[in-house]
Amino acid sequence: MLTEDRKLFILSELEEKGSVTVAEIVKQLNSSESTIRRDLIQMDRDGLLVKVHGGAMKLSSNIVLDEPDVSNKERFFATEKTKIGKFAASLICSGDFVFIDAGTTTKRMLQFITEKDATYVTNGYKHAAILANMGLNVILTGGEVKNSTEAIIGTECVESLRRYNFTKAFVGTNGISENQGFSTHTNDEANIKKLVISRSFKSFILADHSKFNKITAISFSDLNDACIITDFVGNDNYRKLTKIEEVG
């Protein structure tokens, strides 16, 4: 197949599905993986699509490339985040070993935590200070400080989390998509979220309604890997893909 024909096919698939993987295109076109990867790289340079790890996404307002810093994010959907945080905190029980992700929505749950007979692990350094001041048993992960998200990240953080088995994990996300699942902006944060979800008996994604139908650079889990706690769901298709607690 000619290069232009391959590109037209890829654009057609993106128009229909919103995203494609290299493996899908290789199978459908009977082309080599290296050829398809070259096509996607060139199409990305030409502004025809957005190349991501393992495939490509349609150019769309639903693609979020930039991440606001914490001071800005804390002002967005504050009321909704408070409702989500209050419900999330109510799920913590005596004896739980809990992970709480860094982030502005997870931060909202801290003021509502009342369970003292639990252990709290977090990669949010300000989260840890708040929990410690509440007299709770807190473990702060090791690793590299990322000021823009008030998070501890990096290889040391991931390694310190590998030995834990959580009863519950409360995780933030930057995007929720039917096809791409839960996503965030960097590999460092994606690696932490993915690992924690895999090591938790129950995992909860805390996300206000603005995160739905959004895709950011790195997917870290499929939708059925965690229950979503949100204020509102406008698309009922998500209810078919995972459990959703709507608290708006």
Foldseek 3Di string as FASTA:
>chain_A
DDLVVLLVVLLVVQVVPQWDFLVVSCVVVVDDSVSSVVSVVVCVVVVQWADAVGTTGGDDPQEDADDFFQVVVCPPPVVFLLLLLLVVLVPDDAAFEEEQEQANSSLSNLVNHDHQNYEYEYQQPVSQVSCVVVVHHYHHFDADADRRRSGHWDDSRLVVCQVDAGQEYEAEAQAAEQPQGTHHADPGNLSNVLNNLVRYNAYEYEDEAVRYSHYYRGRRDHLQSHEYEYQDDPDCVSVVRYHYHHRD
